């Protein structure tokens, strides 16, 4: 069975869905039709021979894995701050696909750098001498709200090996981590990620839990 006729309206619907990332319901509201109608229009093209391969992710899956919006992914691909698609298929719109191993490797680098950034923050804030040269030098408590906020994220992200996929959707939270730095480490790994290690915080947890 051939593809449906490409009307201007259909092209617009496909663009809104595949390029702009609008939901089926949002598009349906724009055209005053049912959500099911929009799904039917789009599915006729999604089932075409340009489907992604088993070893590929599409932009929706990459967004779900990383936690970054689809527009962020597209924008940073152009800036060189995110891996470029390994395959692009052009029909009415461009469909971009990424090799799964490539994306998972970037995700692992990003996760390690997030953990190292949090580890560095905790080490600095909990260091009794860090603020010694300040006029009102002090040592922050482990139970300080800001430290606890970082700790909860840090503890959750480091709680399981990367392969467990426990990190899915949580790689976007630290906006201070340079996207350029992540790409540099991704392209040319250093000891930061090759000899990855974090500090032990069990003594702080013991005090917090009242076991000491």
Protein backbone atom coordinates (compact mmCIF):
# COMPACT_ATOMS: atom_id res chain seq x y z
CA UNK A 1 0.00 0.00 0.00
CA UNK A 2 1.41 3.41 -0.98
CA UNK A 3 1.90 6.43 1.20
CA UNK A 4 -0.98 8.90 1.67
CA UNK A 5 -1.06 11.96 -0.55
CA UNK A 6 1.14 14.76 0.85
CA UNK A 7 -1.24 17.67 1.39
CA UNK A 8 0.00 20.94 2.88
CA UNK A 9 -2.05 20.25 5.98
CA UNK A 10 -0.46 16.83 6.42
CA UNK A 11 3.01 18.31 5.99
CA UNK A 12 2.23 20.90 8.65
CA UNK A 13 0.98 18.23 11.04
CA UNK A 14 4.12 16.15 10.49
CA UNK A 15 6.35 19.15 11.08
CA UNK A 16 4.54 20.07 14.29
CA UNK A 17 4.95 16.52 15.55
CA UNK A 18 8.40 15.49 14.31
CA UNK A 19 10.30 18.79 14.34
CA UNK A 20 8.53 20.96 16.90
CA UNK A 21 7.72 18.07 19.22
CA UNK A 22 4.09 19.03 19.94
CA UNK A 23 1.84 16.43 21.53
CA UNK A 24 -0.94 14.77 19.52
CA UNK A 25 -3.53 16.58 21.63
CA UNK A 26 -1.94 19.99 21.10
CA UNK A 27 -1.94 19.49 17.33
CA UNK A 28 -5.52 18.19 17.43
CA UNK A 29 -6.61 21.34 19.25
CA UNK A 30 -4.95 23.52 16.61
CA UNK A 31 -6.87 21.82 13.80
CA UNK A 32 -10.05 21.24 15.78
CA UNK A 33 -9.96 17.49 15.20
CA UNK A 34 -9.61 14.45 17.45
CA UNK A 35 -6.34 13.25 18.91
CA UNK A 36 -6.95 9.90 17.21
CA UNK A 37 -7.15 11.60 13.83
CA UNK A 38 -3.73 13.21 14.31
CA UNK A 39 -2.25 9.89 15.45
CA UNK A 40 -3.61 8.25 12.31
CA UNK A 41 -2.11 10.93 10.07
CA UNK A 42 1.32 10.67 11.68
CA UNK A 43 1.34 6.86 11.93
CA UNK A 44 1.02 6.54 8.17
CA UNK A 45 4.47 8.07 7.88
CA UNK A 46 6.03 6.58 10.99
CA UNK A 47 5.41 3.14 9.47
CA UNK A 48 7.29 4.02 6.30
CA UNK A 49 10.63 2.32 5.42
CA UNK A 50 12.57 5.04 7.25
CA UNK A 51 12.06 3.43 10.67
CA UNK A 52 14.97 3.46 13.09
CA UNK A 53 17.15 0.39 13.40
CA UNK A 54 17.40 -1.79 16.50
CA UNK A 55 20.72 -0.23 17.47
CA UNK A 56 19.43 3.36 17.21
CA UNK A 57 17.61 5.91 19.35
CA UNK A 58 15.37 8.63 17.94
CA UNK A 59 15.22 12.13 19.40
CA UNK A 60 12.29 11.27 21.70
CA UNK A 61 14.24 8.39 23.22
CA UNK A 62 17.39 10.50 23.60
CA UNK A 63 15.34 13.17 25.37
CA UNK A 64 13.83 10.57 27.70
CA UNK A 65 17.25 9.10 28.52
CA UNK A 66 19.01 12.38 29.20
CA UNK A 67 16.24 14.53 30.63
CA UNK A 68 17.02 17.27 28.12
CA UNK A 69 14.29 18.65 25.86
CA UNK A 70 14.32 17.73 22.18
CA UNK A 71 14.98 21.35 21.24
CA UNK A 72 17.99 21.41 23.57
CA UNK A 73 19.35 18.30 21.85
CA UNK A 74 18.91 19.77 18.37
CA UNK A 75 20.39 23.12 19.39
CA UNK A 76 23.44 21.62 21.08
CA UNK A 77 24.10 19.23 18.20
CA UNK A 78 24.55 22.33 16.05
CA UNK A 79 26.80 23.93 18.68
CA UNK A 80 28.96 20.82 18.95
CA UNK A 81 27.93 20.23 22.56
CA UNK A 82 26.12 16.96 21.92
CA UNK A 83 26.85 14.00 19.61
CA UNK A 84 25.55 14.54 16.10
CA UNK A 85 23.02 12.04 14.71
CA UNK A 86 24.68 9.03 13.14
CA UNK A 87 21.94 8.80 10.52
CA UNK A 88 19.45 11.26 9.08
CA UNK A 89 16.51 10.24 6.93
CA UNK A 90 14.72 12.95 4.97
CA UNK A 91 11.10 12.55 3.99
CA UNK A 92 8.70 15.44 4.50
CA UNK A 93 10.81 16.20 7.57
CA UNK A 94 14.26 15.16 8.73
CA UNK A 95 14.32 12.16 11.06
CA UNK A 96 17.49 11.92 13.14
CA UNK A 97 18.81 8.73 14.70
CA UNK A 98 21.72 8.15 17.08
CA UNK A 99 23.68 4.96 17.61
CA UNK A 100 22.71 3.55 21.02
CA UNK A 101 26.28 2.82 22.14
CA UNK A 102 27.32 6.36 21.24
CA UNK A 103 24.52 7.94 23.29
CA UNK A 104 25.01 5.62 26.24
CA UNK A 105 28.72 6.45 26.29
CA UNK A 106 27.90 10.18 26.35
CA UNK A 107 25.38 9.56 29.13
CA UNK A 108 27.99 7.71 31.19
CA UNK A 109 30.48 10.55 30.79
CA UNK A 110 27.82 13.08 31.72
CA UNK A 111 26.81 11.05 34.79
CA UNK A 112 30.40 10.73 36.00
CA UNK A 113 31.03 14.46 35.62
CA UNK A 114 27.80 15.26 37.45
CA UNK A 115 28.88 13.04 40.31
CA UNK A 116 32.36 14.54 40.37
CA UNK A 117 30.89 18.06 40.42
CA UNK A 118 28.66 17.17 43.36
CA UNK A 119 31.53 15.38 45.10
CA UNK A 120 33.72 18.46 44.70
CA UNK A 121 31.01 20.70 46.11
CA UNK A 122 30.48 18.47 49.15
CA UNK A 123 34.21 18.20 49.80
CA UNK A 124 34.59 21.97 49.66
CA UNK A 125 31.60 22.77 51.83
CA UNK A 126 32.42 20.16 54.45
CA UNK A 127 36.10 21.12 54.67
CA UNK A 128 36.72 22.69 58.12
CA UNK A 129 39.48 24.94 56.77
CA UNK A 130 37.89 26.08 53.49
CA UNK A 131 36.30 29.16 55.04
CA UNK A 132 39.11 29.78 57.56
CA UNK A 133 40.32 32.90 55.76
CA UNK A 134 36.83 34.42 55.75
CA UNK A 135 36.08 37.06 58.36
CA UNK A 136 33.34 34.82 59.70
CA UNK A 137 34.97 31.49 58.94
CA UNK A 138 32.84 28.44 59.63
CA UNK A 139 32.26 24.82 58.76
CA UNK A 140 28.90 24.00 57.28
CA UNK A 141 26.88 21.20 58.82
CA UNK A 142 26.14 18.12 56.74
CA UNK A 143 22.49 18.73 57.55
CA UNK A 144 22.50 22.19 55.97
CA UNK A 145 19.53 22.25 53.53
CA UNK A 146 21.64 23.14 50.50
CA UNK A 147 24.16 20.40 51.24
CA UNK A 148 21.38 17.91 51.83
CA UNK A 149 19.77 18.84 48.51
CA UNK A 150 23.02 18.08 46.68
CA UNK A 151 23.61 14.99 48.80
CA UNK A 152 20.22 13.45 48.01
CA UNK A 153 20.85 13.76 44.28
CA UNK A 154 24.45 12.64 44.61
CA UNK A 155 23.56 9.62 46.74
CA UNK A 156 20.80 8.54 44.37
CA UNK A 157 22.92 8.85 41.25
CA UNK A 158 25.89 6.99 42.72
CA UNK A 159 23.79 4.29 44.37
CA UNK A 160 23.89 1.84 41.45
CA UNK A 161 26.14 1.01 38.50
CA UNK A 162 25.57 2.86 35.24
CA UNK A 163 24.24 -0.31 33.60
CA UNK A 164 21.23 -0.35 35.95
CA UNK A 165 19.82 2.70 34.07
CA UNK A 166 18.75 4.27 37.40
CA UNK A 167 19.95 7.64 36.06
CA UNK A 168 17.48 7.85 33.15
CA UNK A 169 15.98 11.34 32.84
CA UNK A 170 18.25 12.80 35.53
CA UNK A 171 21.29 14.01 33.60
CA UNK A 172 20.11 17.58 33.08
CA UNK A 173 19.87 18.91 36.62
CA UNK A 174 23.26 20.64 37.04
CA UNK A 175 23.27 23.65 34.73
CA UNK A 176 26.72 24.71 35.98
CA UNK A 177 28.38 21.68 34.40
CA UNK A 178 29.80 22.86 31.09
CA UNK A 179 28.28 21.04 28.12
CA UNK A 180 31.52 21.77 26.26
CA UNK A 181 33.51 20.05 29.01
CA UNK A 182 31.29 16.97 28.77
CA UNK A 183 31.89 16.76 25.02
CA UNK A 184 35.64 17.21 25.43
CA UNK A 185 35.73 14.35 27.94
CA UNK A 186 33.47 12.29 25.68
CA UNK A 187 35.76 12.75 22.68
CA UNK A 188 39.06 12.49 24.56
CA UNK A 189 38.61 10.66 27.89
CA UNK A 190 41.00 11.60 30.71
CA UNK A 191 41.65 10.20 34.18
CA UNK A 192 38.55 12.07 35.34
CA UNK A 193 36.35 9.38 33.85
CA UNK A 194 38.85 6.62 33.11
CA UNK A 195 40.02 6.41 36.75
CA UNK A 196 36.72 7.52 38.21
CA UNK A 197 36.52 7.68 42.00
CA UNK A 198 34.43 9.46 44.64
CA UNK A 199 34.95 10.24 48.32
CA UNK A 200 33.42 8.20 51.13
CA UNK A 201 30.64 9.95 53.08
CA UNK A 202 29.66 7.11 55.40
CA UNK A 203 30.86 9.00 58.49
CA UNK A 204 28.46 11.84 57.75
CA UNK A 205 25.59 9.44 57.19
CA UNK A 206 26.33 7.69 60.48
CA UNK A 207 26.17 10.98 62.38
CA UNK A 208 22.97 11.96 60.59
CA UNK A 209 21.38 8.61 61.39
CA UNK A 210 22.38 8.96 65.04
CA UNK A 211 24.59 5.88 65.07
CA UNK A 212 27.62 7.70 66.30
